[in-house]
Amino acid sequence: MTKLVDHLKAELNKIPNVSIAPYKQTDLTCVSYLGKEFAHFHDDHEIDVRIPQKFAKRKQLGEPIQSARHPDRSKKSIWRSLRFETPAETDALIELIQALLEEEYRT
């Protein structure tokens, strides 16, 4: 059975101009759009995504979660840690990222 993170990466790779690659010589995996990082994976169930506040409000994302990797992150930070534990959460995350790229990143 495919791991959720592998499914997420495969679906993100299908989006035009999105690339997934390790960050330099670390274990951090970054997701970029047109060469600019907009997300990175913390582990197999958590991704940090750069989400503008206006987009978060429009999509009613609620309060950001506090990640073990970023326990003191400001609630106003443009970065949000998002967890995905089920196939439904993974599919919802894919839809969210597609909307984010369409509404905020495409020029």
PDB file of N, CA and C in Angstrom:
ATOM      1  N   MET A   1       0.838  -1.181   0.000  1.00  0.00           N
ATOM      2  CA  MET A   1       0.000   0.000   0.000  1.00  0.00           C
ATOM      3  C   MET A   1       0.884   1.247   0.000  1.00  0.00           C
ATOM      4  N   THR A   2       0.514   2.243  -0.800  1.00  0.00           N
ATOM      5  CA  THR A   2       1.271   3.481  -0.899  1.00  0.00           C
ATOM      6  C   THR A   2       1.088   4.318   0.364  1.00  0.00           C
ATOM      7  N   LYS A   3       2.193   4.855   0.860  1.00  0.00           N
ATOM      8  CA  LYS A   3       2.113   5.740   2.009  1.00  0.00           C
ATOM      9  C   LYS A   3       1.454   7.043   1.587  1.00  0.00           C
ATOM     10  N   LEU A   4       0.772   7.678   2.520  1.00  0.00           N
ATOM     11  CA  LEU A   4       0.086   8.933   2.218  1.00  0.00           C
ATOM     12  C   LEU A   4       1.043   9.996   1.692  1.00  0.00           C
ATOM     13  N   VAL A   5       2.219  10.072   2.278  1.00  0.00           N
ATOM     14  CA  VAL A   5       3.177  11.079   1.841  1.00  0.00           C
ATOM     15  C   VAL A   5       3.606  10.829   0.395  1.00  0.00           C
ATOM     16  N   ASP A   6       3.742   9.575   0.018  1.00  0.00           N
ATOM     17  CA  ASP A   6       4.110   9.253  -1.367  1.00  0.00           C
ATOM     18  C   ASP A   6       2.989   9.637  -2.332  1.00  0.00           C
ATOM     19  N   HIS A   7       1.750   9.394  -1.916  1.00  0.00           N
ATOM     20  CA  HIS A   7       0.598   9.789  -2.734  1.00  0.00           C
ATOM     21  C   HIS A   7       0.564  11.311  -2.881  1.00  0.00           C
ATOM     22  N   LEU A   8       0.770  12.017  -1.775  1.00  0.00           N
ATOM     23  CA  LEU A   8       0.763  13.484  -1.814  1.00  0.00           C
ATOM     24  C   LEU A   8       1.849  14.010  -2.745  1.00  0.00           C
ATOM     25  N   LYS A   9       3.046  13.481  -2.620  1.00  0.00           N
ATOM     26  CA  LYS A   9       4.151  13.920  -3.481  1.00  0.00           C
ATOM     27  C   LYS A   9       3.855  13.625  -4.953  1.00  0.00           C
ATOM     28  N   ALA A  10       3.299  12.464  -5.233  1.00  0.00           N
ATOM     29  CA  ALA A  10       2.980  12.105  -6.617  1.00  0.00           C
ATOM     30  C   ALA A  10       1.949  13.059  -7.200  1.00  0.00           C
ATOM     31  N   GLU A  11       0.936  13.404  -6.418  1.00  0.00           N
ATOM     32  CA  GLU A  11      -0.101  14.318  -6.901  1.00  0.00           C
ATOM     33  C   GLU A  11       0.456  15.733  -7.075  1.00  0.00           C
ATOM     34  N   LEU A  12       1.308  16.164  -6.165  1.00  0.00           N
ATOM     35  CA  LEU A  12       1.916  17.492  -6.293  1.00  0.00           C
ATOM     36  C   LEU A  12       2.807  17.556  -7.536  1.00  0.00           C
ATOM     37  N   ASN A  13       3.498  16.460  -7.821  1.00  0.00           N
ATOM     38  CA  ASN A  13       4.360  16.412  -9.010  1.00  0.00           C
ATOM     39  C   ASN A  13       3.578  16.533 -10.305  1.00  0.00           C
ATOM     40  N   LYS A  14       2.288  16.225 -10.279  1.00  0.00           N
ATOM     41  CA  LYS A  14       1.448  16.326 -11.473  1.00  0.00           C
ATOM     42  C   LYS A  14       1.068  17.775 -11.791  1.00  0.00           C
ATOM     43  N   ILE A  15       1.205  18.668 -10.817  1.00  0.00           N
ATOM     44  CA  ILE A  15       0.829  20.069 -11.023  1.00  0.00           C
ATOM     45  C   ILE A  15       1.924  20.745 -11.843  1.00  0.00           C
ATOM     46  N   PRO A  16       1.554  21.400 -12.945  1.00  0.00           N
ATOM     47  CA  PRO A  16       2.568  22.066 -13.772  1.00  0.00           C
ATOM     48  C   PRO A  16       3.399  23.062 -12.966  1.00  0.00           C
ATOM     49  N   ASN A  17       4.698  23.050 -13.227  1.00  0.00           N
ATOM     50  CA  ASN A  17       5.668  23.970 -12.612  1.00  0.00           C
ATOM     51  C   ASN A  17       5.962  23.699 -11.140  1.00  0.00           C
ATOM     52  N   VAL A  18       5.478  22.560 -10.624  1.00  0.00           N
ATOM     53  CA  VAL A  18       5.788  22.180  -9.244  1.00  0.00           C
ATOM     54  C   VAL A  18       6.919  21.163  -9.273  1.00  0.00           C
ATOM     55  N   SER A  19       7.885  21.355  -8.385  1.00  0.00           N
ATOM     56  CA  SER A  19       8.978  20.395  -8.255  1.00  0.00           C
ATOM     57  C   SER A  19       9.174  20.053  -6.786  1.00  0.00           C
ATOM     58  N   ILE A  20       9.639  18.847  -6.555  1.00  0.00           N
ATOM     59  CA  ILE A  20       9.905  18.360  -5.201  1.00  0.00           C
ATOM     60  C   ILE A  20      11.335  17.859  -5.177  1.00  0.00           C
ATOM     61  N   ALA A  21      12.105  18.385  -4.230  1.00  0.00           N
ATOM     62  CA  ALA A  21      13.517  18.001  -4.165  1.00  0.00           C
ATOM     63  C   ALA A  21      14.046  18.200  -2.751  1.00  0.00           C
ATOM     64  N   PRO A  22      15.101  17.454  -2.411  1.00  0.00           N
ATOM     65  CA  PRO A  22      15.731  17.668  -1.110  1.00  0.00           C
ATOM     66  C   PRO A  22      16.333  19.067  -1.041  1.00  0.00           C
ATOM     67  N   TYR A  23      16.333  19.628   0.157  1.00  0.00           N
ATOM     68  CA  TYR A  23      16.956  20.930   0.370  1.00  0.00           C
ATOM     69  C   TYR A  23      18.439  20.713   0.657  1.00  0.00           C
ATOM     70  N   LYS A  24      19.252  21.158  -0.269  1.00  0.00           N
ATOM     71  CA  LYS A  24      20.711  21.023  -0.174  1.00  0.00           C
ATOM     72  C   LYS A  24      21.077  19.621   0.301  1.00  0.00           C
ATOM     73  N   GLN A  25      21.888  19.534   1.325  1.00  0.00           N
ATOM     74  CA  GLN A  25      22.314  18.221   1.820  1.00  0.00           C
ATOM     75  C   GLN A  25      21.684  17.939   3.177  1.00  0.00           C
ATOM     76  N   THR A  26      20.340  18.088   3.222  1.00  0.00           N
ATOM     77  CA  THR A  26      19.601  17.836   4.461  1.00  0.00           C
ATOM     78  C   THR A  26      18.542  16.776   4.194  1.00  0.00           C
ATOM     79  N   ASP A  27      17.793  16.441   5.226  1.00  0.00           N
ATOM     80  CA  ASP A  27      16.689  15.494   5.051  1.00  0.00           C
ATOM     81  C   ASP A  27      15.367  16.225   4.813  1.00  0.00           C
ATOM     82  N   LEU A  28      15.420  17.540   4.666  1.00  0.00           N
ATOM     83  CA  LEU A  28      14.236  18.334   4.402  1.00  0.00           C
ATOM     84  C   LEU A  28      13.867  18.248   2.923  1.00  0.00           C
ATOM     85  N   THR A  29      12.607  17.934   2.636  1.00  0.00           N
ATOM     86  CA  THR A  29      12.118  17.862   1.262  1.00  0.00           C
ATOM     87  C   THR A  29      11.271  19.092   0.992  1.00  0.00           C
ATOM     88  N   CYS A  30      11.672  19.871  -0.010  1.00  0.00           N
ATOM     89  CA  CYS A  30      10.983  21.117  -0.344  1.00  0.00           C
ATOM     90  C   CYS A  30      10.096  20.944  -1.567  1.00  0.00           C
ATOM     91  N   VAL A  31       9.011  21.712  -1.578  1.00  0.00           N
ATOM     92  CA  VAL A  31       8.095  21.750  -2.711  1.00  0.00           C
ATOM     93  C   VAL A  31       8.135  23.177  -3.243  1.00  0.00           C
ATOM     94  N   SER A  32       8.431  23.303  -4.532  1.00  0.00           N
ATOM     95  CA  SER A  32       8.576  24.628  -5.139  1.00  0.00           C
ATOM     96  C   SER A  32       7.625  24.796  -6.304  1.00  0.00           C
ATOM     97  N   TYR A  33       7.250  26.047  -6.524  1.00  0.00           N
ATOM     98  CA  TYR A  33       6.457  26.410  -7.694  1.00  0.00           C
ATOM     99  C   TYR A  33       7.258  27.454  -8.451  1.00  0.00           C
ATOM    100  N   LEU A  34       7.567  27.163  -9.705  1.00  0.00           N
ATOM    101  CA  LEU A  34       8.408  28.035 -10.537  1.00  0.00           C
ATOM    102  C   LEU A  34       9.716  28.382  -9.826  1.00  0.00           C
ATOM    103  N   GLY A  35      10.268  27.389  -9.138  1.00  0.00           N
ATOM    104  CA  GLY A  35      11.554  27.549  -8.484  1.00  0.00           C
ATOM    105  C   GLY A  35      11.524  28.209  -7.117  1.00  0.00           C
ATOM    106  N   LYS A  36      10.349  28.615  -6.625  1.00  0.00           N
ATOM    107  CA  LYS A  36      10.242  29.251  -5.306  1.00  0.00           C
ATOM    108  C   LYS A  36       9.572  28.286  -4.336  1.00  0.00           C
ATOM    109  N   GLU A  37      10.237  28.033  -3.218  1.00  0.00           N
ATOM    110  CA  GLU A  37       9.678  27.119  -2.221  1.00  0.00           C
ATOM    111  C   GLU A  37       8.389  27.689  -1.641  1.00  0.00           C
ATOM    112  N   PHE A  38       7.360  26.851  -1.609  1.00  0.00           N
ATOM    113  CA  PHE A  38       6.121  27.247  -0.952  1.00  0.00           C
ATOM    114  C   PHE A  38       5.704  26.226   0.113  1.00  0.00           C
ATOM    115  N   ALA A  39       6.446  25.121   0.208  1.00  0.00           N
ATOM    116  CA  ALA A  39       6.124  24.108   1.212  1.00  0.00           C
ATOM    117  C   ALA A  39       7.343  23.226   1.455  1.00  0.00           C
ATOM    118  N   HIS A  40       7.344  22.559   2.596  1.00  0.00           N
ATOM    119  CA  HIS A  40       8.356  21.535   2.874  1.00  0.00           C
ATOM    120  C   HIS A  40       7.764  20.530   3.856  1.00  0.00           C
ATOM    121  N   PHE A  41       8.234  19.310   3.724  1.00  0.00           N
ATOM    122  CA  PHE A  41       7.748  18.227   4.575  1.00  0.00           C
ATOM    123  C   PHE A  41       8.565  18.158   5.855  1.00  0.00           C
ATOM    124  N   HIS A  42       7.858  17.994   6.970  1.00  0.00           N
ATOM    125  CA  HIS A  42       8.527  17.758   8.243  1.00  0.00           C
ATOM    126  C   HIS A  42       8.726  16.269   8.472  1.00  0.00           C
ATOM    127  N   ASP A  43       7.731  15.496   8.066  1.00  0.00           N
ATOM    128  CA  ASP A  43       7.784  14.041   8.207  1.00  0.00           C
ATOM    129  C   ASP A  43       6.731  13.448   7.280  1.00  0.00           C
ATOM    130  N   ASP A  44       6.386  12.194   7.487  1.00  0.00           N
ATOM    131  CA  ASP A  44       5.436  11.518   6.594  1.00  0.00           C
ATOM    132  C   ASP A  44       3.986  11.920   6.822  1.00  0.00           C
ATOM    133  N   HIS A  45       3.724  12.799   7.800  1.00  0.00           N
ATOM    134  CA  HIS A  45       2.341  13.198   8.084  1.00  0.00           C
ATOM    135  C   HIS A  45       2.186  14.691   8.322  1.00  0.00           C
ATOM    136  N   GLU A  46       3.225  15.469   8.027  1.00  0.00           N
ATOM    137  CA  GLU A  46       3.137  16.909   8.264  1.00  0.00           C
ATOM    138  C   GLU A  46       3.904  17.671   7.195  1.00  0.00           C
ATOM    139  N   ILE A  47       3.249  18.718   6.699  1.00  0.00           N
ATOM    140  CA  ILE A  47       3.855  19.581   5.698  1.00  0.00           C
ATOM    141  C   ILE A  47       3.655  21.021   6.150  1.00  0.00           C
ATOM    142  N   ASP A  48       4.660  21.842   5.962  1.00  0.00           N
ATOM    143  CA  ASP A  48       4.594  23.271   6.224  1.00  0.00           C
ATOM    144  C   ASP A  48       4.312  23.946   4.893  1.00  0.00           C
ATOM    145  N   VAL A  49       3.264  24.761   4.840  1.00  0.00           N
ATOM    146  CA  VAL A  49       2.872  25.413   3.596  1.00  0.00           C
ATOM    147  C   VAL A  49       2.802  26.924   3.823  1.00  0.00           C
ATOM    148  N   ARG A  50       3.327  27.676   2.864  1.00  0.00           N
ATOM    149  CA  ARG A  50       3.273  29.145   2.922  1.00  0.00           C
ATOM    150  C   ARG A  50       1.887  29.568   2.432  1.00  0.00           C
ATOM    151  N   ILE A  51       1.051  30.017   3.375  1.00  0.00           N
ATOM    152  CA  ILE A  51      -0.326  30.374   3.064  1.00  0.00           C
ATOM    153  C   ILE A  51      -0.590  31.808   3.520  1.00  0.00           C
ATOM    154  N   PRO A  52      -0.827  32.713   2.586  1.00  0.00           N
ATOM    155  CA  PRO A  52      -1.145  34.093   2.974  1.00  0.00           C
ATOM    156  C   PRO A  52      -2.391  34.156   3.863  1.00  0.00           C
ATOM    157  N   GLN A  53      -2.406  35.110   4.786  1.00  0.00           N
ATOM    158  CA  GLN A  53      -3.512  35.254   5.734  1.00  0.00           C
ATOM    159  C   GLN A  53      -4.866  35.415   5.033  1.00  0.00           C
ATOM    160  N   LYS A  54      -4.912  36.210   3.960  1.00  0.00           N
ATOM    161  CA  LYS A  54      -6.187  36.427   3.258  1.00  0.00           C
ATOM    162  C   LYS A  54      -6.723  35.120   2.681  1.00  0.00           C
ATOM    163  N   PHE A  55      -5.836  34.307   2.135  1.00  0.00           N
ATOM    164  CA  PHE A  55      -6.248  33.015   1.591  1.00  0.00           C
ATOM    165  C   PHE A  55      -6.768  32.125   2.719  1.00  0.00           C
ATOM    166  N   ALA A  56      -6.061  32.087   3.845  1.00  0.00           N
ATOM    167  CA  ALA A  56      -6.470  31.267   4.991  1.00  0.00           C
ATOM    168  C   ALA A  56      -7.861  31.669   5.479  1.00  0.00           C
ATOM    169  N   LYS A  57      -8.124  32.987   5.513  1.00  0.00           N
ATOM    170  CA  LYS A  57      -9.448  33.453   5.933  1.00  0.00           C
ATOM    171  C   LYS A  57     -10.513  33.054   4.923  1.00  0.00           C
ATOM    172  N   ARG A  58     -10.222  33.258   3.635  1.00  0.00           N
ATOM    173  CA  ARG A  58     -11.193  32.895   2.587  1.00  0.00           C
ATOM    174  C   ARG A  58     -11.555  31.419   2.654  1.00  0.00           C
ATOM    175  N   LYS A  59     -10.552  30.588   2.922  1.00  0.00           N
ATOM    176  CA  LYS A  59     -10.768  29.138   2.967  1.00  0.00           C
ATOM    177  C   LYS A  59     -11.184  28.648   4.354  1.00  0.00           C
ATOM    178  N   GLN A  60     -11.337  29.590   5.293  1.00  0.00           N
ATOM    179  CA  GLN A  60     -11.759  29.283   6.665  1.00  0.00           C
ATOM    180  C   GLN A  60     -10.909  28.176   7.288  1.00  0.00           C
ATOM    181  N   LEU A  61      -9.592  28.374   7.240  1.00  0.00           N
ATOM    182  CA  LEU A  61      -8.676  27.346   7.753  1.00  0.00           C
ATOM    183  C   LEU A  61      -8.585  27.319   9.271  1.00  0.00           C
ATOM    184  N   GLY A  62      -9.066  28.349   9.931  1.00  0.00           N
ATOM    185  CA  GLY A  62      -9.026  28.358  11.384  1.00  0.00           C
ATOM    186  C   GLY A  62      -7.632  28.641  11.906  1.00  0.00           C
ATOM    187  N   GLU A  63      -7.449  28.384  13.178  1.00  0.00           N
ATOM    188  CA  GLU A  63      -6.168  28.641  13.830  1.00  0.00           C
ATOM    189  C   GLU A  63      -5.112  27.651  13.366  1.00  0.00           C
ATOM    190  N   PRO A  64      -3.877  28.122  13.185  1.00  0.00           N
ATOM    191  CA  PRO A  64      -2.788  27.200  12.817  1.00  0.00           C
ATOM    192  C   PRO A  64      -2.504  26.221  13.960  1.00  0.00           C
ATOM    193  N   ILE A  65      -2.089  25.009  13.592  1.00  0.00           N
ATOM    194  CA  ILE A  65      -1.688  24.046  14.622  1.00  0.00           C
ATOM    195  C   ILE A  65      -0.270  24.373  15.071  1.00  0.00           C
ATOM    196  N   GLN A  66       0.047  23.999  16.282  1.00  0.00           N
ATOM    197  CA  GLN A  66       1.414  24.163  16.775  1.00  0.00           C
ATOM    198  C   GLN A  66       2.158  22.865  16.499  1.00  0.00           C
ATOM    199  N   SER A  67       3.158  22.961  15.683  1.00  0.00           N
ATOM    200  CA  SER A  67       3.954  21.805  15.308  1.00  0.00           C
ATOM    201  C   SER A  67       5.077  21.597  16.309  1.00  0.00           C
ATOM    202  N   ALA A  68       5.470  20.357  16.484  1.00  0.00           N
ATOM    203  CA  ALA A  68       6.631  20.068  17.329  1.00  0.00           C
ATOM    204  C   ALA A  68       7.885  20.720  16.748  1.00  0.00           C
ATOM    205  N   ARG A  69       7.918  20.896  15.430  1.00  0.00           N
ATOM    206  CA  ARG A  69       9.064  21.532  14.779  1.00  0.00           C
ATOM    207  C   ARG A  69       9.073  23.045  14.962  1.00  0.00           C
ATOM    208  N   HIS A  70       7.893  23.632  15.160  1.00  0.00           N
ATOM    209  CA  HIS A  70       7.766  25.082  15.310  1.00  0.00           C
ATOM    210  C   HIS A  70       6.793  25.394  16.450  1.00  0.00           C
ATOM    211  N   PRO A  71       7.149  25.058  17.687  1.00  0.00           N
ATOM    212  CA  PRO A  71       6.206  25.199  18.801  1.00  0.00           C
ATOM    213  C   PRO A  71       5.860  26.647  19.155  1.00  0.00           C
ATOM    214  N   ASP A  72       6.699  27.596  18.790  1.00  0.00           N
ATOM    215  CA  ASP A  72       6.447  28.990  19.159  1.00  0.00           C
ATOM    216  C   ASP A  72       6.101  29.865  17.968  1.00  0.00           C
ATOM    217  N   ARG A  73       5.658  29.275  16.905  1.00  0.00           N
ATOM    218  CA  ARG A  73       5.338  30.032  15.696  1.00  0.00           C
ATOM    219  C   ARG A  73       4.161  30.972  15.968  1.00  0.00           C
ATOM    220  N   SER A  74       4.257  32.181  15.464  1.00  0.00           N
ATOM    221  CA  SER A  74       3.202  33.170  15.615  1.00  0.00           C
ATOM    222  C   SER A  74       1.943  32.731  14.881  1.00  0.00           C
ATOM    223  N   LYS A  75       0.785  33.067  15.435  1.00  0.00           N
ATOM    224  CA  LYS A  75      -0.480  32.761  14.777  1.00  0.00           C
ATOM    225  C   LYS A  75      -0.623  33.547  13.484  1.00  0.00           C
ATOM    226  N   LYS A  76       0.159  34.599  13.328  1.00  0.00           N
ATOM    227  CA  LYS A  76       0.092  35.423  12.120  1.00  0.00           C
ATOM    228  C   LYS A  76       1.147  35.030  11.091  1.00  0.00           C
ATOM    229  N   SER A  77       1.887  33.980  11.360  1.00  0.00           N
ATOM    230  CA  SER A  77       2.916  33.529  10.418  1.00  0.00           C
ATOM    231  C   SER A  77       2.276  33.108   9.104  1.00  0.00           C
ATOM    232  N   ILE A  78       2.978  33.384   8.020  1.00  0.00           N
ATOM    233  CA  ILE A  78       2.517  32.957   6.701  1.00  0.00           C
ATOM    234  C   ILE A  78       2.679  31.436   6.530  1.00  0.00           C
ATOM    235  N   TRP A  79       3.525  30.819   7.343  1.00  0.00           N
ATOM    236  CA  TRP A  79       3.741  29.370   7.300  1.00  0.00           C
ATOM    237  C   TRP A  79       2.750  28.672   8.206  1.00  0.00           C
ATOM    238  N   ARG A  80       2.150  27.595   7.684  1.00  0.00           N
ATOM    239  CA  ARG A  80       1.220  26.770   8.462  1.00  0.00           C
ATOM    240  C   ARG A  80       1.638  25.312   8.367  1.00  0.00           C
ATOM    241  N   SER A  81       1.685  24.669   9.502  1.00  0.00           N
ATOM    242  CA  SER A  81       1.922  23.227   9.527  1.00  0.00           C
ATOM    243  C   SER A  81       0.582  22.534   9.368  1.00  0.00           C
ATOM    244  N   LEU A  82       0.502  21.627   8.402  1.00  0.00           N
ATOM    245  CA  LEU A  82      -0.732  20.895   8.127  1.00  0.00           C
ATOM    246  C   LEU A  82      -0.459  19.404   8.253  1.00  0.00           C
ATOM    247  N   ARG A  83      -1.309  18.729   9.022  1.00  0.00           N
ATOM    248  CA  ARG A  83      -1.165  17.284   9.224  1.00  0.00           C
ATOM    249  C   ARG A  83      -2.113  16.548   8.291  1.00  0.00           C
ATOM    250  N   PHE A  84      -1.683  15.378   7.857  1.00  0.00           N
ATOM    251  CA  PHE A  84      -2.534  14.504   7.037  1.00  0.00           C
ATOM    252  C   PHE A  84      -2.335  13.080   7.526  1.00  0.00           C
ATOM    253  N   GLU A  85      -3.421  12.502   8.031  1.00  0.00           N
ATOM    254  CA  GLU A  85      -3.374  11.169   8.641  1.00  0.00           C
ATOM    255  C   GLU A  85      -4.219  10.143   7.890  1.00  0.00           C
ATOM    256  N   THR A  86      -5.103  10.632   7.027  1.00  0.00           N
ATOM    257  CA  THR A  86      -6.025   9.742   6.316  1.00  0.00           C
ATOM    258  C   THR A  86      -6.002  10.072   4.822  1.00  0.00           C
ATOM    259  N   PRO A  87      -6.479   9.164   3.987  1.00  0.00           N
ATOM    260  CA  PRO A  87      -6.572   9.482   2.558  1.00  0.00           C
ATOM    261  C   PRO A  87      -7.449  10.714   2.287  1.00  0.00           C
ATOM    262  N   ALA A  88      -8.546  10.860   3.040  1.00  0.00           N
ATOM    263  CA  ALA A  88      -9.426  12.017   2.846  1.00  0.00           C
ATOM    264  C   ALA A  88      -8.705  13.320   3.180  1.00  0.00           C
ATOM    265  N   GLU A  89      -7.930  13.331   4.258  1.00  0.00           N
ATOM    266  CA  GLU A  89      -7.160  14.529   4.613  1.00  0.00           C
ATOM    267  C   GLU A  89      -6.099  14.830   3.560  1.00  0.00           C
ATOM    268  N   THR A  90      -5.503  13.796   3.017  1.00  0.00           N
ATOM    269  CA  THR A  90      -4.484  13.978   1.980  1.00  0.00           C
ATOM    270  C   THR A  90      -5.116  14.558   0.719  1.00  0.00           C
ATOM    271  N   ASP A  91      -6.268  14.038   0.320  1.00  0.00           N
ATOM    272  CA  ASP A  91      -6.955  14.564  -0.858  1.00  0.00           C
ATOM    273  C   ASP A  91      -7.388  16.012  -0.638  1.00  0.00           C
ATOM    274  N   ALA A  92      -7.868  16.338   0.560  1.00  0.00           N
ATOM    275  CA  ALA A  92      -8.260  17.718   0.871  1.00  0.00           C
ATOM    276  C   ALA A  92      -7.049  18.647   0.818  1.00  0.00           C
ATOM    277  N   LEU A  93      -5.917  18.167   1.266  1.00  0.00           N
ATOM    278  CA  LEU A  93      -4.682  18.946   1.226  1.00  0.00           C
ATOM    279  C   LEU A  93      -4.245  19.207  -0.212  1.00  0.00           C
ATOM    280  N   ILE A  94      -4.370  18.216  -1.058  1.00  0.00           N
ATOM    281  CA  ILE A  94      -4.037  18.383  -2.482  1.00  0.00           C
ATOM    282  C   ILE A  94      -4.931  19.464  -3.092  1.00  0.00           C
ATOM    283  N   GLU A  95      -6.224  19.408  -2.808  1.00  0.00           N
ATOM    284  CA  GLU A  95      -7.160  20.417  -3.322  1.00  0.00           C
ATOM    285  C   GLU A  95      -6.800  21.805  -2.798  1.00  0.00           C
ATOM    286  N   LEU A  96      -6.452  21.892  -1.523  1.00  0.00           N
ATOM    287  CA  LEU A  96      -6.080  23.174  -0.926  1.00  0.00           C
ATOM    288  C   LEU A  96      -4.840  23.749  -1.612  1.00  0.00           C
ATOM    289  N   ILE A  97      -3.841  22.920  -1.823  1.00  0.00           N
ATOM    290  CA  ILE A  97      -2.608  23.386  -2.458  1.00  0.00           C
ATOM    291  C   ILE A  97      -2.862  23.793  -3.909  1.00  0.00           C
ATOM    292  N   GLN A  98      -3.691  23.053  -4.624  1.00  0.00           N
ATOM    293  CA  GLN A  98      -4.020  23.442  -5.997  1.00  0.00           C
ATOM    294  C   GLN A  98      -4.704  24.807  -6.015  1.00  0.00           C
ATOM    295  N   ALA A  99      -5.647  25.030  -5.110  1.00  0.00           N
ATOM    296  CA  ALA A  99      -6.327  26.324  -5.030  1.00  0.00           C
ATOM    297  C   ALA A  99      -5.344  27.423  -4.645  1.00  0.00           C
ATOM    298  N   LEU A 100      -4.468  27.136  -3.705  1.00  0.00           N
ATOM    299  CA  LEU A 100      -3.459  28.106  -3.291  1.00  0.00           C
ATOM    300  C   LEU A 100      -2.596  28.542  -4.464  1.00  0.00           C
ATOM    301  N   LEU A 101      -2.119  27.591  -5.232  1.00  0.00           N
ATOM    302  CA  LEU A 101      -1.273  27.925  -6.374  1.00  0.00           C
ATOM    303  C   LEU A 101      -2.044  28.718  -7.424  1.00  0.00           C
ATOM    304  N   GLU A 102      -3.279  28.331  -7.677  1.00  0.00           N
ATOM    305  CA  GLU A 102      -4.087  29.026  -8.677  1.00  0.00           C
ATOM    306  C   GLU A 102      -4.413  30.459  -8.250  1.00  0.00           C
ATOM    307  N   GLU A 103      -4.751  30.635  -6.984  1.00  0.00           N
ATOM    308  CA  GLU A 103      -5.207  31.944  -6.504  1.00  0.00           C
ATOM    309  C   GLU A 103      -4.084  32.876  -6.049  1.00  0.00           C
ATOM    310  N   GLU A 104      -2.996  32.317  -5.562  1.00  0.00           N
ATOM    311  CA  GLU A 104      -1.978  33.157  -4.941  1.00  0.00           C
ATOM    312  C   GLU A 104      -0.627  33.176  -5.647  1.00  0.00           C
ATOM    313  N   TYR A 105      -0.293  32.116  -6.361  1.00  0.00           N
ATOM    314  CA  TYR A 105       1.053  32.010  -6.898  1.00  0.00           C
ATOM    315  C   TYR A 105       1.149  32.176  -8.402  1.00  0.00           C
ATOM    316  N   ARG A 106       0.096  31.860  -9.124  1.00  0.00           N
ATOM    317  CA  ARG A 106       0.162  31.987 -10.580  1.00  0.00           C
ATOM    318  C   ARG A 106       0.062  33.435 -10.964  1.00  0.00           C
ATOM    319  N   THR A 107       0.878  33.798 -11.945  1.00  0.00           N
ATOM    320  CA  THR A 107       0.869  35.195 -12.382  1.00  0.00           C
ATOM    321  C   THR A 107       0.293  35.325 -13.772  1.00  0.00           C
TER     322      THR A 107
END
